[in-house]
Amino acid sequence: GVTTFLLSSSNANLWHGVGGASFIGMALFYGGAMEILAAIMEF
């Protein structure tokens, strides 16, 4: 949800697109790594 919010805020052109810049790190560590961890736990 948080990672999608940042990317989508950039796509919707909120805050003049700055959500896209903050999305980059969040995509790797929170949206990426934490979801992989959650996937392993779901398995």
Full PDB file with SEQRES, HELIX, SHEET, SSBOND, CRYST1, ORIGX, SCALE, CONECT and MASTER records, all heavy atoms in Angstrom:
SEQRES   1 A   43  GLY VAL THR THR PHE LEU LEU SER SER SER ASN ALA ASN          
SEQRES   2 A   43  LEU TRP HIS GLY VAL GLY GLY ALA SER PHE ILE GLY MET          
SEQRES   3 A   43  ALA LEU PHE TYR GLY GLY ALA MET GLU ILE LEU ALA ALA          
SEQRES   4 A   43  ILE MET GLU PHE                                              
HELIX    1 AA1 VAL A    2  ASN A   11  1                                  10    
HELIX    2 AA2 LEU A   14  GLY A   17  5                                   4    
HELIX    3 AA3 VAL A   18  LEU A   28  1                                  11    
HELIX    4 AA4 PHE A   29  MET A   34  3                                   6    
HELIX    5 AA5 GLU A   35  GLU A   42  1                                   8    
CRYST1    1.000    1.000    1.000  90.00  90.00  90.00 P 1           1          
ORIGX1      1.000000  0.000000  0.000000        0.00000                         
ORIGX2      0.000000  1.000000  0.000000        0.00000                         
ORIGX3      0.000000  0.000000  1.000000        0.00000                         
SCALE1      1.000000  0.000000  0.000000        0.00000                         
SCALE2      0.000000  1.000000  0.000000        0.00000                         
SCALE3      0.000000  0.000000  1.000000        0.00000                         
ATOM      1  N   GLY A   1       0.804  -1.225   0.000  1.00  0.00           N  
ATOM      2  CA  GLY A   1       0.000   0.000   0.000  1.00  0.00           C  
ATOM      3  C   GLY A   1       0.830   1.264   0.000  1.00  0.00           C  
ATOM      4  O   GLY A   1       0.562   2.193  -0.766  1.00  0.00           O  
ATOM      5  N   VAL A   2       1.856   1.322   0.834  1.00  0.00           N  
ATOM      6  CA  VAL A   2       2.690   2.526   0.910  1.00  0.00           C  
ATOM      7  C   VAL A   2       3.476   2.717  -0.389  1.00  0.00           C  
ATOM      8  O   VAL A   2       3.534   3.823  -0.935  1.00  0.00           O  
ATOM      9  CB  VAL A   2       3.633   2.446   2.127  1.00  0.00           C  
ATOM     10  CG1 VAL A   2       4.699   3.530   2.081  1.00  0.00           C  
ATOM     11  CG2 VAL A   2       2.826   2.549   3.416  1.00  0.00           C  
ATOM     12  N   THR A   3       4.068   1.638  -0.888  1.00  0.00           N  
ATOM     13  CA  THR A   3       4.853   1.734  -2.118  1.00  0.00           C  
ATOM     14  C   THR A   3       3.962   2.108  -3.296  1.00  0.00           C  
ATOM     15  O   THR A   3       4.322   2.960  -4.120  1.00  0.00           O  
ATOM     16  CB  THR A   3       5.586   0.402  -2.386  1.00  0.00           C  
ATOM     17  OG1 THR A   3       6.323   0.053  -1.216  1.00  0.00           O  
ATOM     18  CG2 THR A   3       6.525   0.515  -3.566  1.00  0.00           C  
ATOM     19  N   THR A   4       2.788   1.509  -3.365  1.00  0.00           N  
ATOM     20  CA  THR A   4       1.849   1.820  -4.438  1.00  0.00           C  
ATOM     21  C   THR A   4       1.368   3.257  -4.335  1.00  0.00           C  
ATOM     22  O   THR A   4       1.195   3.938  -5.350  1.00  0.00           O  
ATOM     23  CB  THR A   4       0.657   0.841  -4.411  1.00  0.00           C  
ATOM     24  OG1 THR A   4       1.166  -0.485  -4.576  1.00  0.00           O  
ATOM     25  CG2 THR A   4      -0.343   1.137  -5.507  1.00  0.00           C  
ATOM     26  N   PHE A   5       1.160   3.745  -3.119  1.00  0.00           N  
ATOM     27  CA  PHE A   5       0.733   5.124  -2.936  1.00  0.00           C  
ATOM     28  C   PHE A   5       1.768   6.092  -3.510  1.00  0.00           C  
ATOM     29  O   PHE A   5       1.419   7.040  -4.213  1.00  0.00           O  
ATOM     30  CB  PHE A   5       0.487   5.429  -1.453  1.00  0.00           C  
ATOM     31  CG  PHE A   5      -0.069   6.809  -1.230  1.00  0.00           C  
ATOM     32  CD1 PHE A   5      -1.441   7.020  -1.283  1.00  0.00           C  
ATOM     33  CD2 PHE A   5       0.767   7.889  -0.987  1.00  0.00           C  
ATOM     34  CE1 PHE A   5      -1.965   8.297  -1.109  1.00  0.00           C  
ATOM     35  CE2 PHE A   5       0.249   9.159  -0.810  1.00  0.00           C  
ATOM     36  CZ  PHE A   5      -1.115   9.361  -0.868  1.00  0.00           C  
ATOM     37  N   LEU A   6       3.041   5.843  -3.228  1.00  0.00           N  
ATOM     38  CA  LEU A   6       4.090   6.737  -3.741  1.00  0.00           C  
ATOM     39  C   LEU A   6       4.155   6.723  -5.262  1.00  0.00           C  
ATOM     40  O   LEU A   6       4.211   7.775  -5.900  1.00  0.00           O  
ATOM     41  CB  LEU A   6       5.449   6.359  -3.150  1.00  0.00           C  
ATOM     42  CG  LEU A   6       5.623   6.685  -1.676  1.00  0.00           C  
ATOM     43  CD1 LEU A   6       6.934   6.113  -1.160  1.00  0.00           C  
ATOM     44  CD2 LEU A   6       5.541   8.180  -1.435  1.00  0.00           C  
ATOM     45  N   LEU A   7       4.159   5.529  -5.839  1.00  0.00           N  
ATOM     46  CA  LEU A   7       4.218   5.435  -7.302  1.00  0.00           C  
ATOM     47  C   LEU A   7       2.966   6.040  -7.930  1.00  0.00           C  
ATOM     48  O   LEU A   7       3.047   6.797  -8.902  1.00  0.00           O  
ATOM     49  CB  LEU A   7       4.372   3.976  -7.747  1.00  0.00           C  
ATOM     50  CG  LEU A   7       4.408   3.752  -9.255  1.00  0.00           C  
ATOM     51  CD1 LEU A   7       5.543   4.524  -9.907  1.00  0.00           C  
ATOM     52  CD2 LEU A   7       4.517   2.264  -9.556  1.00  0.00           C  
ATOM     53  N   SER A   8       1.810   5.737  -7.378  1.00  0.00           N  
ATOM     54  CA  SER A   8       0.554   6.233  -7.946  1.00  0.00           C  
ATOM     55  C   SER A   8       0.420   7.742  -7.793  1.00  0.00           C  
ATOM     56  O   SER A   8      -0.140   8.405  -8.666  1.00  0.00           O  
ATOM     57  CB  SER A   8      -0.641   5.522  -7.292  1.00  0.00           C  
ATOM     58  OG  SER A   8      -0.603   4.146  -7.605  1.00  0.00           O  
ATOM     59  N   SER A   9       0.946   8.296  -6.696  1.00  0.00           N  
ATOM     60  CA  SER A   9       0.886   9.752  -6.530  1.00  0.00           C  
ATOM     61  C   SER A   9       1.708  10.433  -7.621  1.00  0.00           C  
ATOM     62  O   SER A   9       1.331  11.493  -8.117  1.00  0.00           O  
ATOM     63  CB  SER A   9       1.370  10.170  -5.144  1.00  0.00           C  
ATOM     64  OG  SER A   9       2.758   9.992  -4.999  1.00  0.00           O  
ATOM     65  N   SER A  10       2.799   9.805  -8.005  1.00  0.00           N  
ATOM     66  CA  SER A  10       3.604  10.346  -9.105  1.00  0.00           C  
ATOM     67  C   SER A  10       2.845  10.230 -10.427  1.00  0.00           C  
ATOM     68  O   SER A  10       2.797  11.174 -11.212  1.00  0.00           O  
ATOM     69  CB  SER A  10       4.932   9.599  -9.195  1.00  0.00           C  
ATOM     70  OG  SER A  10       5.693  10.089 -10.276  1.00  0.00           O  
ATOM     71  N   ASN A  11       2.232   9.069 -10.667  1.00  0.00           N  
ATOM     72  CA  ASN A  11       1.459   8.871 -11.900  1.00  0.00           C  
ATOM     73  C   ASN A  11       0.266   9.819 -11.985  1.00  0.00           C  
ATOM     74  O   ASN A  11      -0.097  10.271 -13.066  1.00  0.00           O  
ATOM     75  CB  ASN A  11       0.993   7.421 -12.019  1.00  0.00           C  
ATOM     76  CG  ASN A  11       2.128   6.477 -12.335  1.00  0.00           C  
ATOM     77  OD1 ASN A  11       3.103   6.846 -12.965  1.00  0.00           O  
ATOM     78  ND2 ASN A  11       1.993   5.243 -11.881  1.00  0.00           N  
ATOM     79  N   ALA A  12      -0.347  10.112 -10.834  1.00  0.00           N  
ATOM     80  CA  ALA A  12      -1.490  11.033 -10.802  1.00  0.00           C  
ATOM     81  C   ALA A  12      -1.039  12.487 -10.820  1.00  0.00           C  
ATOM     82  O   ALA A  12      -1.853  13.393 -10.848  1.00  0.00           O  
ATOM     83  CB  ALA A  12      -2.346  10.771  -9.560  1.00  0.00           C  
ATOM     84  N   ASN A  13       0.278  12.696 -10.778  1.00  0.00           N  
ATOM     85  CA  ASN A  13       0.908  14.012 -10.797  1.00  0.00           C  
ATOM     86  C   ASN A  13       0.585  14.841  -9.547  1.00  0.00           C  
ATOM     87  O   ASN A  13       0.459  16.060  -9.611  1.00  0.00           O  
ATOM     88  CB  ASN A  13       0.572  14.786 -12.072  1.00  0.00           C  
ATOM     89  CG  ASN A  13       1.604  15.866 -12.348  1.00  0.00           C  
ATOM     90  OD1 ASN A  13       2.750  15.750 -11.932  1.00  0.00           O  
ATOM     91  ND2 ASN A  13       1.188  16.917 -13.027  1.00  0.00           N  
ATOM     92  N   LEU A  14       0.474  14.164  -8.406  1.00  0.00           N  
ATOM     93  CA  LEU A  14       0.334  14.870  -7.140  1.00  0.00           C  
ATOM     94  C   LEU A  14       1.705  15.376  -6.725  1.00  0.00           C  
ATOM     95  O   LEU A  14       2.724  14.757  -7.034  1.00  0.00           O  
ATOM     96  CB  LEU A  14      -0.196  13.935  -6.060  1.00  0.00           C  
ATOM     97  CG  LEU A  14      -1.608  13.389  -6.253  1.00  0.00           C  
ATOM     98  CD1 LEU A  14      -1.978  12.502  -5.071  1.00  0.00           C  
ATOM     99  CD2 LEU A  14      -2.619  14.510  -6.373  1.00  0.00           C  
ATOM    100  N   TRP A  15       1.753  16.464  -6.023  1.00  0.00           N  
ATOM    101  CA  TRP A  15       2.995  17.036  -5.499  1.00  0.00           C  
ATOM    102  C   TRP A  15       4.035  17.211  -6.602  1.00  0.00           C  
ATOM    103  O   TRP A  15       5.225  17.040  -6.376  1.00  0.00           O  
ATOM    104  CB  TRP A  15       3.568  16.182  -4.370  1.00  0.00           C  
ATOM    105  CG  TRP A  15       2.560  15.843  -3.333  1.00  0.00           C  
ATOM    106  CD1 TRP A  15       1.790  16.713  -2.623  1.00  0.00           C  
ATOM    107  CD2 TRP A  15       2.164  14.547  -2.915  1.00  0.00           C  
ATOM    108  NE1 TRP A  15       0.948  16.033  -1.781  1.00  0.00           N  
ATOM    109  CE2 TRP A  15       1.155  14.698  -1.934  1.00  0.00           C  
ATOM    110  CE3 TRP A  15       2.553  13.262  -3.255  1.00  0.00           C  
ATOM    111  CZ2 TRP A  15       0.546  13.631  -1.303  1.00  0.00           C  
ATOM    112  CZ3 TRP A  15       1.936  12.198  -2.616  1.00  0.00           C  
ATOM    113  CH2 TRP A  15       0.952  12.384  -1.665  1.00  0.00           C  
ATOM    114  N   HIS A  16       3.581  17.505  -7.807  1.00  0.00           N  
ATOM    115  CA  HIS A  16       4.453  17.736  -8.964  1.00  0.00           C  
ATOM    116  C   HIS A  16       5.377  16.553  -9.237  1.00  0.00           C  
ATOM    117  O   HIS A  16       6.515  16.722  -9.660  1.00  0.00           O  
ATOM    118  CB  HIS A  16       5.254  19.031  -8.792  1.00  0.00           C  
ATOM    119  CG  HIS A  16       4.385  20.207  -8.501  1.00  0.00           C  
ATOM    120  ND1 HIS A  16       3.513  20.746  -9.431  1.00  0.00           N  
ATOM    121  CD2 HIS A  16       4.212  20.932  -7.373  1.00  0.00           C  
ATOM    122  CE1 HIS A  16       2.856  21.751  -8.888  1.00  0.00           C  
ATOM    123  NE2 HIS A  16       3.260  21.885  -7.641  1.00  0.00           N  
ATOM    124  N   GLY A  17       4.888  15.345  -8.928  1.00  0.00           N  
ATOM    125  CA  GLY A  17       5.618  14.129  -9.268  1.00  0.00           C  
ATOM    126  C   GLY A  17       6.701  13.709  -8.297  1.00  0.00           C  
ATOM    127  O   GLY A  17       7.410  12.741  -8.559  1.00  0.00           O  
ATOM    128  N   VAL A  18       6.866  14.394  -7.144  1.00  0.00           N  
ATOM    129  CA  VAL A  18       7.955  14.031  -6.238  1.00  0.00           C  
ATOM    130  C   VAL A  18       7.777  12.655  -5.611  1.00  0.00           C  
ATOM    131  O   VAL A  18       8.735  12.066  -5.116  1.00  0.00           O  
ATOM    132  CB  VAL A  18       8.196  15.089  -5.135  1.00  0.00           C  
ATOM    133  CG1 VAL A  18       8.624  16.406  -5.736  1.00  0.00           C  
ATOM    134  CG2 VAL A  18       6.991  15.244  -4.244  1.00  0.00           C  
ATOM    135  N   GLY A  19       6.567  12.119  -5.636  1.00  0.00           N  
ATOM    136  CA  GLY A  19       6.354  10.760  -5.131  1.00  0.00           C  
ATOM    137  C   GLY A  19       7.174   9.741  -5.898  1.00  0.00           C  
ATOM    138  O   GLY A  19       7.584   8.714  -5.357  1.00  0.00           O  
ATOM    139  N   GLY A  20       7.440  10.024  -7.172  1.00  0.00           N  
ATOM    140  CA  GLY A  20       8.235   9.118  -8.000  1.00  0.00           C  
ATOM    141  C   GLY A  20       9.658   8.993  -7.500  1.00  0.00           C  
ATOM    142  O   GLY A  20      10.242   7.907  -7.504  1.00  0.00           O  
ATOM    143  N   ALA A  21      10.232  10.098  -7.042  1.00  0.00           N  
ATOM    144  CA  ALA A  21      11.599  10.065  -6.519  1.00  0.00           C  
ATOM    145  C   ALA A  21      11.663   9.283  -5.215  1.00  0.00           C  
ATOM    146  O   ALA A  21      12.581   8.486  -4.998  1.00  0.00           O  
ATOM    147  CB  ALA A  21      12.117  11.484  -6.312  1.00  0.00           C  
ATOM    148  N   SER A  22      10.687   9.478  -4.347  1.00  0.00           N  
ATOM    149  CA  SER A  22      10.687   8.748  -3.078  1.00  0.00           C  
ATOM    150  C   SER A  22      10.296   7.281  -3.269  1.00  0.00           C  
ATOM    151  O   SER A  22      10.595   6.442  -2.431  1.00  0.00           O  
ATOM    152  CB  SER A  22       9.765   9.432  -2.067  1.00  0.00           C  
ATOM    153  OG  SER A  22       8.458   9.509  -2.559  1.00  0.00           O  
ATOM    154  N   PHE A  23       9.681   6.981  -4.395  1.00  0.00           N  
ATOM    155  CA  PHE A  23       9.289   5.607  -4.703  1.00  0.00           C  
ATOM    156  C   PHE A  23      10.489   4.702  -4.922  1.00  0.00           C  
ATOM    157  O   PHE A  23      10.452   3.520  -4.574  1.00  0.00           O  
ATOM    158  CB  PHE A  23       8.390   5.608  -5.956  1.00  0.00           C  
ATOM    159  CG  PHE A  23       8.264   4.266  -6.618  1.00  0.00           C  
ATOM    160  CD1 PHE A  23       7.417   3.312  -6.096  1.00  0.00           C  
ATOM    161  CD2 PHE A  23       8.988   3.963  -7.757  1.00  0.00           C  
ATOM    162  CE1 PHE A  23       7.291   2.066  -6.694  1.00  0.00           C  
ATOM    163  CE2 PHE A  23       8.870   2.731  -8.373  1.00  0.00           C  
ATOM    164  CZ  PHE A  23       8.022   1.773  -7.835  1.00  0.00           C  
ATOM    165  N   ILE A  24      11.579   5.226  -5.469  1.00  0.00           N  
ATOM    166  CA  ILE A  24      12.713   4.402  -5.885  1.00  0.00           C  
ATOM    167  C   ILE A  24      13.257   3.552  -4.732  1.00  0.00           C  
ATOM    168  O   ILE A  24      13.336   2.333  -4.842  1.00  0.00           O  
ATOM    169  CB  ILE A  24      13.838   5.272  -6.502  1.00  0.00           C  
ATOM    170  CG1 ILE A  24      13.334   6.048  -7.722  1.00  0.00           C  
ATOM    171  CG2 ILE A  24      15.058   4.429  -6.856  1.00  0.00           C  
ATOM    172  CD1 ILE A  24      12.877   5.191  -8.868  1.00  0.00           C  
ATOM    173  N   GLY A  25      13.634   4.156  -3.635  1.00  0.00           N  
ATOM    174  CA  GLY A  25      14.143   3.393  -2.497  1.00  0.00           C  
ATOM    175  C   GLY A  25      13.085   2.513  -1.869  1.00  0.00           C  
ATOM    176  O   GLY A  25      13.340   1.373  -1.465  1.00  0.00           O  
ATOM    177  N   MET A  26      11.877   3.041  -1.793  1.00  0.00           N  
ATOM    178  CA  MET A  26      10.774   2.291  -1.203  1.00  0.00           C  
ATOM    179  C   MET A  26      10.468   1.038  -2.014  1.00  0.00           C  
ATOM    180  O   MET A  26      10.136  -0.010  -1.460  1.00  0.00           O  
ATOM    181  CB  MET A  26       9.538   3.191  -1.120  1.00  0.00           C  
ATOM    182  CG  MET A  26       8.477   2.700  -0.181  1.00  0.00           C  
ATOM    183  SD  MET A  26       8.895   2.821   1.565  1.00  0.00           S  
ATOM    184  CE  MET A  26       8.784   4.557   1.847  1.00  0.00           C  
ATOM    185  N   ALA A  27      10.603   1.127  -3.333  1.00  0.00           N  
ATOM    186  CA  ALA A  27      10.312  -0.020  -4.203  1.00  0.00           C  
ATOM    187  C   ALA A  27      11.240  -1.188  -3.906  1.00  0.00           C  
ATOM    188  O   ALA A  27      10.818  -2.346  -3.899  1.00  0.00           O  
ATOM    189  CB  ALA A  27      10.431   0.386  -5.676  1.00  0.00           C  
ATOM    190  N   LEU A  28      12.502  -0.905  -3.649  1.00  0.00           N  
ATOM    191  CA  LEU A  28      13.459  -1.976  -3.392  1.00  0.00           C  
ATOM    192  C   LEU A  28      13.298  -2.554  -1.989  1.00  0.00           C  
ATOM    193  O   LEU A  28      13.190  -3.769  -1.827  1.00  0.00           O  
ATOM    194  CB  LEU A  28      14.889  -1.464  -3.577  1.00  0.00           C  
ATOM    195  CG  LEU A  28      15.999  -2.483  -3.292  1.00  0.00           C  
ATOM    196  CD1 LEU A  28      15.881  -3.680  -4.215  1.00  0.00           C  
ATOM    197  CD2 LEU A  28      17.360  -1.826  -3.437  1.00  0.00           C  
ATOM    198  N   PHE A  29      13.240  -1.678  -0.991  1.00  0.00           N  
ATOM    199  CA  PHE A  29      13.313  -2.165   0.380  1.00  0.00           C  
ATOM    200  C   PHE A  29      11.966  -2.499   1.016  1.00  0.00           C  
ATOM    201  O   PHE A  29      11.846  -3.520   1.685  1.00  0.00           O  
ATOM    202  CB  PHE A  29      14.068  -1.149   1.247  1.00  0.00           C  
ATOM    203  CG  PHE A  29      15.500  -1.024   0.832  1.00  0.00           C  
ATOM    204  CD1 PHE A  29      15.930   0.091   0.140  1.00  0.00           C  
ATOM    205  CD2 PHE A  29      16.400  -2.039   1.097  1.00  0.00           C  
ATOM    206  CE1 PHE A  29      17.257   0.201  -0.260  1.00  0.00           C  
ATOM    207  CE2 PHE A  29      17.724  -1.941   0.697  1.00  0.00           C  
ATOM    208  CZ  PHE A  29      18.154  -0.812   0.022  1.00  0.00           C  
ATOM    209  N   TYR A  30      10.969  -1.676   0.826  1.00  0.00           N  
ATOM    210  CA  TYR A  30       9.680  -1.929   1.490  1.00  0.00           C  
ATOM    211  C   TYR A  30       8.756  -2.725   0.571  1.00  0.00           C  
ATOM    212  O   TYR A  30       8.342  -3.825   0.915  1.00  0.00           O  
ATOM    213  CB  TYR A  30       9.059  -0.600   1.916  1.00  0.00           C  
ATOM    214  CG  TYR A  30       7.983  -0.708   2.983  1.00  0.00           C  
ATOM    215  CD1 TYR A  30       8.042  -1.648   3.991  1.00  0.00           C  
ATOM    216  CD2 TYR A  30       6.911   0.177   2.978  1.00  0.00           C  
ATOM    217  CE1 TYR A  30       7.055  -1.721   4.976  1.00  0.00           C  
ATOM    218  CE2 TYR A  30       5.935   0.125   3.965  1.00  0.00           C  
ATOM    219  CZ  TYR A  30       6.006  -0.832   4.956  1.00  0.00           C  
ATOM    220  OH  TYR A  30       5.028  -0.896   5.918  1.00  0.00           O  
ATOM    221  N   GLY A  31       8.462  -2.187  -0.594  1.00  0.00           N  
ATOM    222  CA  GLY A  31       7.588  -2.890  -1.536  1.00  0.00           C  
ATOM    223  C   GLY A  31       8.212  -4.162  -2.073  1.00  0.00           C  
ATOM    224  O   GLY A  31       7.513  -5.128  -2.365  1.00  0.00           O  
ATOM    225  N   GLY A  32       9.527  -4.194  -2.189  1.00  0.00           N  
ATOM    226  CA  GLY A  32      10.201  -5.374  -2.709  1.00  0.00           C  
ATOM    227  C   GLY A  32      10.561  -6.370  -1.627  1.00  0.00           C  
ATOM    228  O   GLY A  32       9.961  -7.439  -1.505  1.00  0.00           O  
ATOM    229  N   ALA A  33      11.546  -6.030  -0.808  1.00  0.00           N  
ATOM    230  CA  ALA A  33      12.081  -6.971   0.185  1.00  0.00           C  
ATOM    231  C   ALA A  33      11.048  -7.399   1.225  1.00  0.00           C  
ATOM    232  O   ALA A  33      10.954  -8.591   1.556  1.00  0.00           O  
ATOM    233  CB  ALA A  33      13.298  -6.353   0.866  1.00  0.00           C  
ATOM    234  N   MET A  34      10.267  -6.464   1.743  1.00  0.00           N  
ATOM    235  CA  MET A  34       9.300  -6.827   2.786  1.00  0.00           C  
ATOM    236  C   MET A  34       8.168  -7.695   2.227  1.00  0.00           C  
ATOM    237  O   MET A  34       7.672  -8.586   2.914  1.00  0.00           O  
ATOM    238  CB  MET A  34       8.725  -5.586   3.466  1.00  0.00           C  
ATOM    239  CG  MET A  34       9.718  -4.874   4.367  1.00  0.00           C  
ATOM    240  SD  MET A  34      10.353  -5.911   5.705  1.00  0.00           S  
ATOM    241  CE  MET A  34      11.961  -6.364   5.091  1.00  0.00           C  
ATOM    242  N   GLU A  35       7.784  -7.462   0.983  1.00  0.00           N  
ATOM    243  CA  GLU A  35       6.758  -8.331   0.397  1.00  0.00           C  
ATOM    244  C   GLU A  35       7.317  -9.728   0.119  1.00  0.00           C  
ATOM    245  O   GLU A  35       6.597 -10.719   0.255  1.00  0.00           O  
ATOM    246  CB  GLU A  35       6.178  -7.702  -0.868  1.00  0.00           C  
ATOM    247  CG  GLU A  35       5.231  -6.568  -0.543  1.00  0.00           C  
ATOM    248  CD  GLU A  35       4.391  -6.165  -1.724  1.00  0.00           C  
ATOM    249  OE1 GLU A  35       3.534  -6.961  -2.132  1.00  0.00           O  
ATOM    250  OE2 GLU A  35       4.617  -5.053  -2.234  1.00  0.00           O  
ATOM    251  N   ILE A  36       8.583  -9.823  -0.259  1.00  0.00           N  
ATOM    252  CA  ILE A  36       9.206 -11.140  -0.439  1.00  0.00           C  
ATOM    253  C   ILE A  36       9.236 -11.867   0.902  1.00  0.00           C  
ATOM    254  O   ILE A  36       8.936 -13.066   0.985  1.00  0.00           O  
ATOM    255  CB  ILE A  36      10.627 -11.011  -1.039  1.00  0.00           C  
ATOM    256  CG1 ILE A  36      10.570 -10.415  -2.454  1.00  0.00           C  
ATOM    257  CG2 ILE A  36      11.347 -12.363  -1.019  1.00  0.00           C  
ATOM    258  CD1 ILE A  36       9.873 -11.256  -3.500  1.00  0.00           C  
ATOM    259  N   LEU A  37       9.584 -11.157   1.970  1.00  0.00           N  
ATOM    260  CA  LEU A  37       9.567 -11.757   3.306  1.00  0.00           C  
ATOM    261  C   LEU A  37       8.159 -12.233   3.670  1.00  0.00           C  
ATOM    262  O   LEU A  37       7.983 -13.347   4.183  1.00  0.00           O  
ATOM    263  CB  LEU A  37      10.077 -10.755   4.344  1.00  0.00           C  
ATOM    264  CG  LEU A  37      10.069 -11.225   5.798  1.00  0.00           C  
ATOM    265  CD1 LEU A  37      10.974 -12.434   5.975  1.00  0.00           C  
ATOM    266  CD2 LEU A  37      10.498 -10.081   6.708  1.00  0.00           C  
ATOM    267  N   ALA A  38       7.160 -11.402   3.403  1.00  0.00           N  
ATOM    268  CA  ALA A  38       5.771 -11.790   3.672  1.00  0.00           C  
ATOM    269  C   ALA A  38       5.380 -13.020   2.840  1.00  0.00           C  
ATOM    270  O   ALA A  38       4.676 -13.909   3.330  1.00  0.00           O  
ATOM    271  CB  ALA A  38       4.822 -10.629   3.385  1.00  0.00           C  
ATOM    272  N   ALA A  39       5.856 -13.091   1.609  1.00  0.00           N  
ATOM    273  CA  ALA A  39       5.564 -14.250   0.751  1.00  0.00           C  
ATOM    274  C   ALA A  39       6.139 -15.527   1.347  1.00  0.00           C  
ATOM    275  O   ALA A  39       5.461 -16.572   1.370  1.00  0.00           O  
ATOM    276  CB  ALA A  39       6.126 -14.027  -0.657  1.00  0.00           C  
ATOM    277  N   ILE A  40       7.365 -15.464   1.830  1.00  0.00           N  
ATOM    278  CA  ILE A  40       7.992 -16.641   2.434  1.00  0.00           C  
ATOM    279  C   ILE A  40       7.194 -17.095   3.655  1.00  0.00           C  
ATOM    280  O   ILE A  40       6.941 -18.287   3.844  1.00  0.00           O  
ATOM    281  CB  ILE A  40       9.463 -16.332   2.804  1.00  0.00           C  
ATOM    282  CG1 ILE A  40      10.285 -16.139   1.527  1.00  0.00           C  
ATOM    283  CG2 ILE A  40      10.053 -17.439   3.680  1.00  0.00           C  
ATOM    284  CD1 ILE A  40      11.650 -15.514   1.754  1.00  0.00           C  
ATOM    285  N   MET A  41       6.768 -16.132   4.451  1.00  0.00           N  
ATOM    286  CA  MET A  41       5.964 -16.475   5.633  1.00  0.00           C  
ATOM    287  C   MET A  41       4.611 -17.069   5.236  1.00  0.00           C  
ATOM    288  O   MET A  41       4.118 -17.984   5.886  1.00  0.00           O  
ATOM    289  CB  MET A  41       5.792 -15.236   6.508  1.00  0.00           C  
ATOM    290  CG  MET A  41       7.105 -14.797   7.155  1.00  0.00           C  
ATOM    291  SD  MET A  41       6.979 -13.224   8.025  1.00  0.00           S  
ATOM    292  CE  MET A  41       5.860 -13.636   9.349  1.00  0.00           C  
ATOM    293  N   GLU A  42       4.021 -16.562   4.154  1.00  0.00           N  
ATOM    294  CA  GLU A  42       2.753 -17.137   3.676  1.00  0.00           C  
ATOM    295  C   GLU A  42       2.960 -18.573   3.207  1.00  0.00           C  
ATOM    296  O   GLU A  42       2.105 -19.429   3.428  1.00  0.00           O  
ATOM    297  CB  GLU A  42       2.160 -16.279   2.554  1.00  0.00           C  
ATOM    298  CG  GLU A  42       1.627 -14.930   2.991  1.00  0.00           C  
ATOM    299  CD  GLU A  42       0.298 -14.989   3.742  1.00  0.00           C  
ATOM    300  OE1 GLU A  42      -0.141 -16.076   4.184  1.00  0.00           O  
ATOM    301  OE2 GLU A  42      -0.311 -13.915   3.893  1.00  0.00           O  
ATOM    302  N   PHE A  43       4.090 -18.859   2.547  1.00  0.00           N  
ATOM    303  CA  PHE A  43       4.406 -20.232   2.169  1.00  0.00           C  
ATOM    304  C   PHE A  43       4.457 -21.119   3.405  1.00  0.00           C  
ATOM    305  O   PHE A  43       3.912 -22.230   3.413  1.00  0.00           O  
ATOM    306  CB  PHE A  43       5.747 -20.320   1.424  1.00  0.00           C  
ATOM    307  CG  PHE A  43       5.640 -20.120  -0.057  1.00  0.00           C  
ATOM    308  CD1 PHE A  43       6.284 -19.053  -0.660  1.00  0.00           C  
ATOM    309  CD2 PHE A  43       4.919 -20.994  -0.867  1.00  0.00           C  
ATOM    310  CE1 PHE A  43       6.209 -18.854  -2.031  1.00  0.00           C  
ATOM    311  CE2 PHE A  43       4.831 -20.805  -2.234  1.00  0.00           C  
ATOM    312  CZ  PHE A  43       5.481 -19.736  -2.820  1.00  0.00           C  
TER     313      PHE A  43                                                      
MASTER        0    0    0    5    0    0    0    6  312    1    0    4          
END                                                                             
